Amino acid sequence: MIRIPRFVPVLTALALAPVMAPVGPALAQGVPDTASGMLVELNAAAETPAGACRLTYVATNRSETGLSEIAYEVAVFDAEGIVSQLLVLDFGAMPPGKTRVVQFDMPDQPCEAISRIVVNAAPGCVRAEDGAQSPVCLDGLETRARGAIQFGL
């Protein structure tokens, strides 16, 4: 085991990380090697100064399929359980093992007025290798939520 003294700058420690822990991309990101499909987590919801709800998502491509595009259509439910919006969240390209953090602002929508968000479809799930639609975005999709807003299928 290599020990890094406390006074070594963080960038030096990060540069040594691949040498110190040679593991696959999924395990390095805290995802078990047996996982497949996509993992999408609603990680945070915070009010912006303009009164919007800023939603932070963490998405991980745990499949072996590289994606040139990934987008999810979601239904946003208000505090009374009524669908208030249908949105498409674009996560961009995601190679295998890639984790991406994205933020989406919902103008004129306070966070406390959102009770849950449901993944409705994956209209943009395009394989990088051939440009064809892929089922990987919904097959085996795992959702998680941190905080008061429910997030799922």
N, C-alpha and C. Protein backbone atom coordinates (compact mmCIF):
# COMPACT_ATOMS: atom_id res chain seq x y z
N MET A 1 0.84 -1.17 0.00
CA MET A 1 0.00 0.00 0.00
C MET A 1 0.88 1.24 0.00
N ILE A 2 0.57 2.17 -0.88
CA ILE A 2 1.33 3.40 -0.95
C ILE A 2 0.68 4.42 -0.04
N ARG A 3 1.46 5.06 0.79
CA ARG A 3 0.95 6.10 1.69
C ARG A 3 1.34 7.45 1.12
N ILE A 4 0.38 8.35 1.10
CA ILE A 4 0.63 9.70 0.62
C ILE A 4 0.61 10.62 1.84
N PRO A 5 1.70 11.35 2.07
CA PRO A 5 1.73 12.26 3.21
C PRO A 5 0.64 13.31 3.10
N ARG A 6 0.17 13.81 4.23
CA ARG A 6 -0.91 14.79 4.26
C ARG A 6 -0.56 16.07 3.51
N PHE A 7 0.68 16.43 3.42
CA PHE A 7 1.06 17.69 2.79
C PHE A 7 1.17 17.61 1.27
N VAL A 8 1.00 16.43 0.68
CA VAL A 8 1.05 16.30 -0.77
C VAL A 8 -0.19 16.97 -1.35
N PRO A 9 -0.04 17.84 -2.34
CA PRO A 9 -1.21 18.50 -2.92
C PRO A 9 -2.22 17.49 -3.46
N VAL A 10 -3.47 17.88 -3.43
CA VAL A 10 -4.55 17.01 -3.86
C VAL A 10 -4.36 16.57 -5.30
N LEU A 11 -3.93 17.45 -6.19
CA LEU A 11 -3.75 17.07 -7.58
C LEU A 11 -2.71 15.96 -7.74
N THR A 12 -1.66 15.99 -6.93
CA THR A 12 -0.67 14.92 -6.98
C THR A 12 -1.29 13.61 -6.53
N ALA A 13 -2.08 13.67 -5.47
CA ALA A 13 -2.75 12.46 -4.98
C ALA A 13 -3.71 11.91 -6.02
N LEU A 14 -4.44 12.78 -6.70
CA LEU A 14 -5.36 12.33 -7.73
C LEU A 14 -4.62 11.74 -8.92
N ALA A 15 -3.46 12.28 -9.25
CA ALA A 15 -2.67 11.76 -10.35
C ALA A 15 -2.17 10.36 -10.05
N LEU A 16 -1.92 10.05 -8.78
CA LEU A 16 -1.45 8.74 -8.38
C LEU A 16 -2.57 7.72 -8.21
N ALA A 17 -3.82 8.18 -8.14
CA ALA A 17 -4.94 7.29 -7.87
C ALA A 17 -5.02 6.12 -8.84
N PRO A 18 -4.85 6.30 -10.17
CA PRO A 18 -4.93 5.14 -11.05
C PRO A 18 -3.83 4.12 -10.79
N VAL A 19 -2.67 4.57 -10.35
CA VAL A 19 -1.57 3.66 -10.05
C VAL A 19 -1.86 2.89 -8.77
N MET A 20 -2.47 3.56 -7.81
CA MET A 20 -2.72 2.95 -6.51
C MET A 20 -3.90 2.00 -6.54
N ALA A 21 -4.90 2.20 -7.43
CA ALA A 21 -6.10 1.39 -7.42
C ALA A 21 -6.49 0.99 -8.85
N PRO A 22 -5.79 0.01 -9.41
CA PRO A 22 -6.11 -0.38 -10.78
C PRO A 22 -7.36 -1.25 -10.84
N VAL A 23 -8.52 -0.62 -10.94
CA VAL A 23 -9.78 -1.35 -11.03
C VAL A 23 -10.51 -0.87 -12.27
N GLY A 24 -11.54 -1.63 -12.66
CA GLY A 24 -12.34 -1.26 -13.82
C GLY A 24 -13.11 0.02 -13.58
N PRO A 25 -13.61 0.66 -14.65
CA PRO A 25 -14.31 1.93 -14.51
C PRO A 25 -15.56 1.83 -13.66
N ALA A 26 -16.30 0.73 -13.75
CA ALA A 26 -17.52 0.62 -12.96
C ALA A 26 -17.21 0.54 -11.47
N LEU A 27 -16.22 -0.28 -11.11
CA LEU A 27 -15.87 -0.41 -9.71
C LEU A 27 -15.23 0.87 -9.18
N ALA A 28 -14.45 1.54 -10.00
CA ALA A 28 -13.83 2.79 -9.58
C ALA A 28 -14.88 3.84 -9.26
N GLN A 29 -16.05 3.75 -9.88
CA GLN A 29 -17.11 4.72 -9.64
C GLN A 29 -18.07 4.23 -8.57
N GLY A 30 -17.75 3.13 -7.90
CA GLY A 30 -18.59 2.65 -6.83
C GLY A 30 -19.77 1.81 -7.30
N VAL A 31 -19.74 1.33 -8.55
CA VAL A 31 -20.81 0.52 -9.09
C VAL A 31 -20.31 -0.91 -9.19
N PRO A 32 -21.02 -1.88 -8.64
CA PRO A 32 -20.57 -3.26 -8.72
C PRO A 32 -20.44 -3.72 -10.17
N ASP A 33 -19.47 -4.61 -10.42
CA ASP A 33 -19.23 -5.12 -11.77
C ASP A 33 -20.43 -5.88 -12.32
N THR A 34 -21.29 -6.42 -11.45
CA THR A 34 -22.43 -7.20 -11.91
C THR A 34 -23.59 -6.32 -12.37
N ALA A 35 -23.54 -5.03 -12.11
CA ALA A 35 -24.62 -4.13 -12.52
C ALA A 35 -24.61 -3.95 -14.03
N SER A 36 -25.81 -3.75 -14.59
CA SER A 36 -25.91 -3.48 -16.02
C SER A 36 -27.00 -2.45 -16.23
N GLY A 37 -27.06 -1.91 -17.42
CA GLY A 37 -28.06 -0.89 -17.70
C GLY A 37 -27.63 0.46 -17.18
N MET A 38 -28.61 1.32 -17.01
CA MET A 38 -28.35 2.69 -16.57
C MET A 38 -28.77 2.86 -15.11
N LEU A 39 -28.05 3.72 -14.42
CA LEU A 39 -28.41 4.14 -13.06
C LEU A 39 -28.59 5.66 -13.14
N VAL A 40 -29.77 6.15 -12.76
CA VAL A 40 -30.03 7.58 -12.74
C VAL A 40 -30.53 7.94 -11.35
N GLU A 41 -29.84 8.87 -10.72
CA GLU A 41 -30.18 9.30 -9.37
C GLU A 41 -30.55 10.78 -9.37
N LEU A 42 -31.69 11.09 -8.75
CA LEU A 42 -32.02 12.48 -8.46
C LEU A 42 -31.25 12.80 -7.19
N ASN A 43 -30.14 13.50 -7.34
CA ASN A 43 -29.19 13.68 -6.26
C ASN A 43 -29.52 14.86 -5.37
N ALA A 44 -30.06 15.94 -5.94
CA ALA A 44 -30.34 17.14 -5.15
C ALA A 44 -31.39 17.99 -5.84
N ALA A 45 -32.09 18.77 -5.03
CA ALA A 45 -33.05 19.75 -5.53
C ALA A 45 -32.86 21.00 -4.68
N ALA A 46 -32.60 22.13 -5.33
CA ALA A 46 -32.34 23.37 -4.60
C ALA A 46 -32.97 24.55 -5.33
N GLU A 47 -33.46 25.50 -4.55
CA GLU A 47 -34.04 26.72 -5.12
C GLU A 47 -32.92 27.61 -5.65
N THR A 48 -33.16 28.22 -6.79
CA THR A 48 -32.22 29.21 -7.33
C THR A 48 -32.70 30.60 -6.89
N PRO A 49 -31.84 31.60 -6.95
CA PRO A 49 -32.26 32.96 -6.60
C PRO A 49 -33.43 33.46 -7.46
N ALA A 50 -33.57 32.93 -8.69
CA ALA A 50 -34.64 33.35 -9.59
C ALA A 50 -35.96 32.62 -9.31
N GLY A 51 -35.98 31.73 -8.32
CA GLY A 51 -37.21 31.03 -7.97
C GLY A 51 -37.43 29.72 -8.70
N ALA A 52 -36.43 29.26 -9.42
CA ALA A 52 -36.53 27.96 -10.11
C ALA A 52 -36.07 26.85 -9.17
N CYS A 53 -36.49 25.64 -9.50
CA CYS A 53 -35.98 24.47 -8.78
C CYS A 53 -34.87 23.89 -9.63
N ARG A 54 -33.66 23.83 -9.10
CA ARG A 54 -32.52 23.25 -9.81
C ARG A 54 -32.40 21.79 -9.37
N LEU A 55 -32.58 20.89 -10.32
CA LEU A 55 -32.50 19.45 -10.07
C LEU A 55 -31.15 18.95 -10.54
N THR A 56 -30.44 18.24 -9.68
CA THR A 56 -29.14 17.67 -10.01
C THR A 56 -29.29 16.15 -10.12
N TYR A 57 -28.91 15.63 -11.28
CA TYR A 57 -28.97 14.20 -11.53
C TYR A 57 -27.56 13.64 -11.70
N VAL A 58 -27.37 12.40 -11.25
CA VAL A 58 -26.13 11.66 -11.47
C VAL A 58 -26.53 10.42 -12.26
N ALA A 59 -25.99 10.29 -13.47
CA ALA A 59 -26.31 9.15 -14.33
C ALA A 59 -25.04 8.36 -14.61
N THR A 60 -25.16 7.04 -14.58
CA THR A 60 -24.03 6.16 -14.85
C THR A 60 -24.44 5.11 -15.88
N ASN A 61 -23.64 5.00 -16.93
CA ASN A 61 -23.85 3.95 -17.93
C ASN A 61 -23.11 2.71 -17.44
N ARG A 62 -23.85 1.78 -16.85
CA ARG A 62 -23.26 0.55 -16.34
C ARG A 62 -23.28 -0.57 -17.38
N SER A 63 -23.72 -0.26 -18.58
CA SER A 63 -23.79 -1.27 -19.62
C SER A 63 -22.47 -1.31 -20.39
N GLU A 64 -22.39 -2.24 -21.32
CA GLU A 64 -21.23 -2.32 -22.20
C GLU A 64 -21.48 -1.58 -23.51
N THR A 65 -22.61 -0.87 -23.59
CA THR A 65 -23.00 -0.16 -24.81
C THR A 65 -22.64 1.32 -24.70
N GLY A 66 -21.83 1.79 -25.63
CA GLY A 66 -21.54 3.21 -25.70
C GLY A 66 -22.72 3.94 -26.32
N LEU A 67 -23.09 5.07 -25.76
CA LEU A 67 -24.24 5.82 -26.26
C LEU A 67 -23.79 7.19 -26.76
N SER A 68 -24.20 7.53 -27.98
CA SER A 68 -23.87 8.86 -28.51
C SER A 68 -24.88 9.88 -28.03
N GLU A 69 -26.01 9.41 -27.54
CA GLU A 69 -27.07 10.29 -27.04
C GLU A 69 -27.90 9.52 -26.03
N ILE A 70 -28.26 10.19 -24.96
CA ILE A 70 -29.21 9.61 -24.01
C ILE A 70 -30.09 10.72 -23.47
N ALA A 71 -31.39 10.50 -23.56
CA ALA A 71 -32.36 11.48 -23.07
C ALA A 71 -33.55 10.72 -22.48
N TYR A 72 -34.06 11.23 -21.38
CA TYR A 72 -35.22 10.64 -20.72
C TYR A 72 -36.37 11.64 -20.71
N GLU A 73 -37.55 11.18 -21.06
CA GLU A 73 -38.76 11.97 -20.88
C GLU A 73 -39.26 11.67 -19.47
N VAL A 74 -39.52 12.72 -18.70
CA VAL A 74 -40.00 12.56 -17.33
C VAL A 74 -41.29 13.33 -17.13
N ALA A 75 -42.13 12.81 -16.24
CA ALA A 75 -43.36 13.49 -15.83
C ALA A 75 -43.11 14.06 -14.43
N VAL A 76 -43.42 15.34 -14.27
CA VAL A 76 -43.24 16.02 -13.00
C VAL A 76 -44.62 16.18 -12.35
N PHE A 77 -44.75 15.70 -11.13
CA PHE A 77 -46.01 15.76 -10.40
C PHE A 77 -45.94 16.87 -9.36
N ASP A 78 -47.04 17.62 -9.22
CA ASP A 78 -47.08 18.68 -8.22
C ASP A 78 -47.40 18.10 -6.84
N ALA A 79 -47.55 18.95 -5.84
CA ALA A 79 -47.79 18.52 -4.47
C ALA A 79 -49.09 17.74 -4.31
N GLU A 80 -50.07 17.97 -5.21
CA GLU A 80 -51.35 17.26 -5.15
C GLU A 80 -51.34 15.97 -5.97
N GLY A 81 -50.21 15.63 -6.58
CA GLY A 81 -50.10 14.41 -7.37
C GLY A 81 -50.58 14.55 -8.80
N ILE A 82 -50.75 15.79 -9.28
CA ILE A 82 -51.18 16.05 -10.65
C ILE A 82 -49.94 16.30 -11.51
N VAL A 83 -49.92 15.72 -12.73
CA VAL A 83 -48.80 15.96 -13.63
C VAL A 83 -48.82 17.43 -14.03
N SER A 84 -47.71 18.11 -13.75
CA SER A 84 -47.62 19.53 -14.07
C SER A 84 -46.78 19.79 -15.32
N GLN A 85 -45.86 18.88 -15.64
CA GLN A 85 -44.99 19.07 -16.80
C GLN A 85 -44.51 17.74 -17.33
N LEU A 86 -44.28 17.69 -18.63
CA LEU A 86 -43.55 16.59 -19.27
C LEU A 86 -42.29 17.23 -19.84
N LEU A 87 -41.14 16.70 -19.47
CA LEU A 87 -39.86 17.27 -19.88
C LEU A 87 -38.98 16.19 -20.47
N VAL A 88 -38.04 16.60 -21.31
CA VAL A 88 -37.01 15.69 -21.80
C VAL A 88 -35.68 16.16 -21.22
N LEU A 89 -35.03 15.28 -20.49
CA LEU A 89 -33.73 15.56 -19.87
C LEU A 89 -32.65 14.95 -20.74
N ASP A 90 -31.78 15.77 -21.28
CA ASP A 90 -30.73 15.33 -22.20
C ASP A 90 -29.42 15.17 -21.43
N PHE A 91 -28.89 13.96 -21.40
CA PHE A 91 -27.64 13.66 -20.69
C PHE A 91 -26.43 13.64 -21.61
N GLY A 92 -26.64 13.75 -22.93
CA GLY A 92 -25.52 13.75 -23.86
C GLY A 92 -24.97 12.36 -24.11
N ALA A 93 -23.72 12.30 -24.57
CA ALA A 93 -23.06 11.02 -24.88
C ALA A 93 -22.54 10.38 -23.59
N MET A 94 -22.65 9.05 -23.54
CA MET A 94 -22.15 8.32 -22.37
C MET A 94 -21.51 7.00 -22.79
N PRO A 95 -20.17 6.96 -22.80
CA PRO A 95 -19.51 5.69 -23.07
C PRO A 95 -19.74 4.71 -21.91
N PRO A 96 -19.42 3.43 -22.11
CA PRO A 96 -19.56 2.46 -21.01
C PRO A 96 -18.75 2.91 -19.79
N GLY A 97 -19.35 2.77 -18.61
CA GLY A 97 -18.66 3.12 -17.38
C GLY A 97 -18.67 4.60 -17.04
N LYS A 98 -19.21 5.44 -17.90
CA LYS A 98 -19.20 6.89 -17.70
C LYS A 98 -20.26 7.32 -16.70
N THR A 99 -19.87 8.20 -15.79
CA THR A 99 -20.81 8.86 -14.88
C THR A 99 -20.84 10.32 -15.25
N ARG A 100 -22.03 10.87 -15.33
CA ARG A 100 -22.19 12.28 -15.68
C ARG A 100 -23.14 12.93 -14.68
N VAL A 101 -22.79 14.13 -14.27
CA VAL A 101 -23.63 14.94 -13.39
C VAL A 101 -24.19 16.08 -14.22
N VAL A 102 -25.51 16.22 -14.22
CA VAL A 102 -26.16 17.29 -14.97
C VAL A 102 -27.17 18.00 -14.09
N GLN A 103 -27.40 19.27 -14.40
CA GLN A 103 -28.38 20.06 -13.66
C GLN A 103 -29.40 20.62 -14.64
N PHE A 104 -30.65 20.62 -14.19
CA PHE A 104 -31.74 21.17 -14.97
C PHE A 104 -32.51 22.14 -14.09
N ASP A 105 -32.75 23.34 -14.59
CA ASP A 105 -33.54 24.33 -13.87
C ASP A 105 -34.98 24.28 -14.36
N MET A 106 -35.91 24.30 -13.43
CA MET A 106 -37.33 24.35 -13.75
C MET A 106 -37.84 25.74 -13.39
N PRO A 107 -37.89 26.66 -14.36
CA PRO A 107 -38.29 28.05 -14.08
C PRO A 107 -39.68 28.13 -13.46
N ASP A 108 -39.83 29.09 -12.56
CA ASP A 108 -41.12 29.34 -11.90
C ASP A 108 -41.69 28.11 -11.22
N GLN A 109 -40.83 27.22 -10.78
CA GLN A 109 -41.27 25.98 -10.14
C GLN A 109 -40.48 25.79 -8.85
N PRO A 110 -41.05 26.15 -7.69
CA PRO A 110 -40.33 25.91 -6.44
C PRO A 110 -40.22 24.41 -6.17
N CYS A 111 -39.14 24.01 -5.55
CA CYS A 111 -38.90 22.58 -5.30
C CYS A 111 -39.98 21.97 -4.41
N GLU A 112 -40.49 22.73 -3.45
CA GLU A 112 -41.50 22.17 -2.54
C GLU A 112 -42.82 21.90 -3.26
N ALA A 113 -42.99 22.42 -4.46
CA ALA A 113 -44.20 22.16 -5.24
C ALA A 113 -44.09 20.89 -6.08
N ILE A 114 -42.96 20.19 -6.01
CA ILE A 114 -42.75 18.95 -6.76
C ILE A 114 -42.80 17.79 -5.78
N SER A 115 -43.71 16.84 -6.00
CA SER A 115 -43.79 15.68 -5.11
C SER A 115 -43.00 14.50 -5.65
N ARG A 116 -43.05 14.30 -6.96
CA ARG A 116 -42.31 13.18 -7.54
C ARG A 116 -42.06 13.41 -9.01
N ILE A 117 -41.08 12.67 -9.53
CA ILE A 117 -40.72 12.71 -10.94
C ILE A 117 -40.63 11.25 -11.40
N VAL A 118 -41.29 10.97 -12.51
CA VAL A 118 -41.36 9.60 -13.03
C VAL A 118 -40.74 9.55 -14.42
N VAL A 119 -39.86 8.58 -14.65
CA VAL A 119 -39.31 8.35 -15.99
C VAL A 119 -40.40 7.73 -16.83
N ASN A 120 -40.75 8.41 -17.90
CA ASN A 120 -41.85 8.00 -18.77
C ASN A 120 -41.36 7.22 -19.99
N ALA A 121 -40.24 7.63 -20.56
CA ALA A 121 -39.70 7.00 -21.78
C ALA A 121 -38.25 7.43 -21.96
N ALA A 122 -37.59 6.79 -22.92
CA ALA A 122 -36.22 7.16 -23.29
C ALA A 122 -36.20 7.44 -24.79
N PRO A 123 -36.70 8.62 -25.21
CA PRO A 123 -36.80 8.91 -26.64
C PRO A 123 -35.46 9.04 -27.35
N GLY A 124 -34.40 9.34 -26.61
CA GLY A 124 -33.08 9.46 -27.21
C GLY A 124 -32.13 8.49 -26.54
N CYS A 125 -32.02 7.30 -27.10
CA CYS A 125 -31.10 6.30 -26.58
C CYS A 125 -30.41 5.70 -27.79
N VAL A 126 -29.32 6.34 -28.22
CA VAL A 126 -28.70 6.02 -29.50
C VAL A 126 -27.32 5.39 -29.29
N ARG A 127 -27.13 4.21 -29.86
CA ARG A 127 -25.84 3.52 -29.77
C ARG A 127 -24.78 4.29 -30.53
N ALA A 128 -23.61 4.44 -29.95
CA ALA A 128 -22.52 5.15 -30.60
C ALA A 128 -21.97 4.37 -31.80
N GLU A 129 -21.98 3.05 -31.72
CA GLU A 129 -21.36 2.25 -32.77
C GLU A 129 -22.07 2.29 -34.12
N ASP A 130 -23.43 2.42 -34.10
CA ASP A 130 -24.15 2.37 -35.38
C ASP A 130 -25.28 3.38 -35.50
N GLY A 131 -25.52 4.19 -34.49
CA GLY A 131 -26.56 5.22 -34.57
C GLY A 131 -27.98 4.69 -34.42
N ALA A 132 -28.11 3.42 -34.06
CA ALA A 132 -29.44 2.82 -33.90
C ALA A 132 -29.97 3.07 -32.48
N GLN A 133 -31.29 3.05 -32.35
CA GLN A 133 -31.91 3.14 -31.03
C GLN A 133 -31.51 1.90 -30.22
N SER A 134 -31.34 2.07 -28.92
CA SER A 134 -30.95 0.97 -28.05
C SER A 134 -31.94 0.84 -26.91
N PRO A 135 -32.24 -0.38 -26.49
CA PRO A 135 -33.12 -0.58 -25.34
C PRO A 135 -32.40 -0.42 -23.99
N VAL A 136 -31.08 -0.23 -24.01
CA VAL A 136 -30.30 -0.24 -22.77
C VAL A 136 -30.71 0.87 -21.80
N CYS A 137 -31.27 1.95 -22.29
CA CYS A 137 -31.62 3.08 -21.42
C CYS A 137 -32.79 2.77 -20.50
N LEU A 138 -33.70 1.90 -20.93
CA LEU A 138 -34.83 1.53 -20.07
C LEU A 138 -34.71 0.11 -19.52
N ASP A 139 -34.12 -0.80 -20.29
CA ASP A 139 -33.94 -2.17 -19.80
C ASP A 139 -32.94 -2.15 -18.66
N GLY A 140 -33.35 -2.54 -17.50
CA GLY A 140 -32.44 -2.55 -16.35
C GLY A 140 -32.20 -1.18 -15.75
N LEU A 141 -33.02 -0.18 -16.11
CA LEU A 141 -32.86 1.15 -15.53
C LEU A 141 -33.11 1.09 -14.02
N GLU A 142 -32.17 1.60 -13.27
CA GLU A 142 -32.32 1.72 -11.82
C GLU A 142 -32.38 3.20 -11.48
N THR A 143 -33.35 3.57 -10.66
CA THR A 143 -33.49 4.96 -10.24
C THR A 143 -33.33 5.06 -8.73
N ARG A 144 -32.83 6.20 -8.30
CA ARG A 144 -32.66 6.48 -6.87
C ARG A 144 -32.99 7.95 -6.65
N ALA A 145 -33.29 8.28 -5.41
CA ALA A 145 -33.53 9.68 -5.05
C ALA A 145 -32.97 9.97 -3.67
N ARG A 146 -32.39 11.14 -3.54
CA ARG A 146 -31.93 11.64 -2.25
C ARG A 146 -32.75 12.91 -2.01
N GLY A 147 -33.36 13.01 -0.88
CA GLY A 147 -34.16 14.20 -0.60
C GLY A 147 -35.65 13.90 -0.62
N ALA A 148 -36.44 14.96 -0.61
CA ALA A 148 -37.89 14.85 -0.44
C ALA A 148 -38.63 14.47 -1.71
N ILE A 149 -38.07 14.75 -2.89
CA ILE A 149 -38.76 14.46 -4.14
C ILE A 149 -38.55 13.00 -4.51
N GLN A 150 -39.62 12.27 -4.73
CA GLN A 150 -39.53 10.88 -5.16
C GLN A 150 -39.13 10.85 -6.63
N PHE A 151 -38.36 9.83 -7.00
CA PHE A 151 -37.92 9.68 -8.39
C PHE A 151 -37.92 8.20 -8.73
N GLY A 152 -38.58 7.84 -9.83
CA GLY A 152 -38.62 6.41 -10.18
C GLY A 152 -39.26 6.16 -11.52
N LEU A 153 -39.64 4.89 -11.71
CA LEU A 153 -40.25 4.46 -12.96
C LEU A 153 -41.76 4.49 -12.86
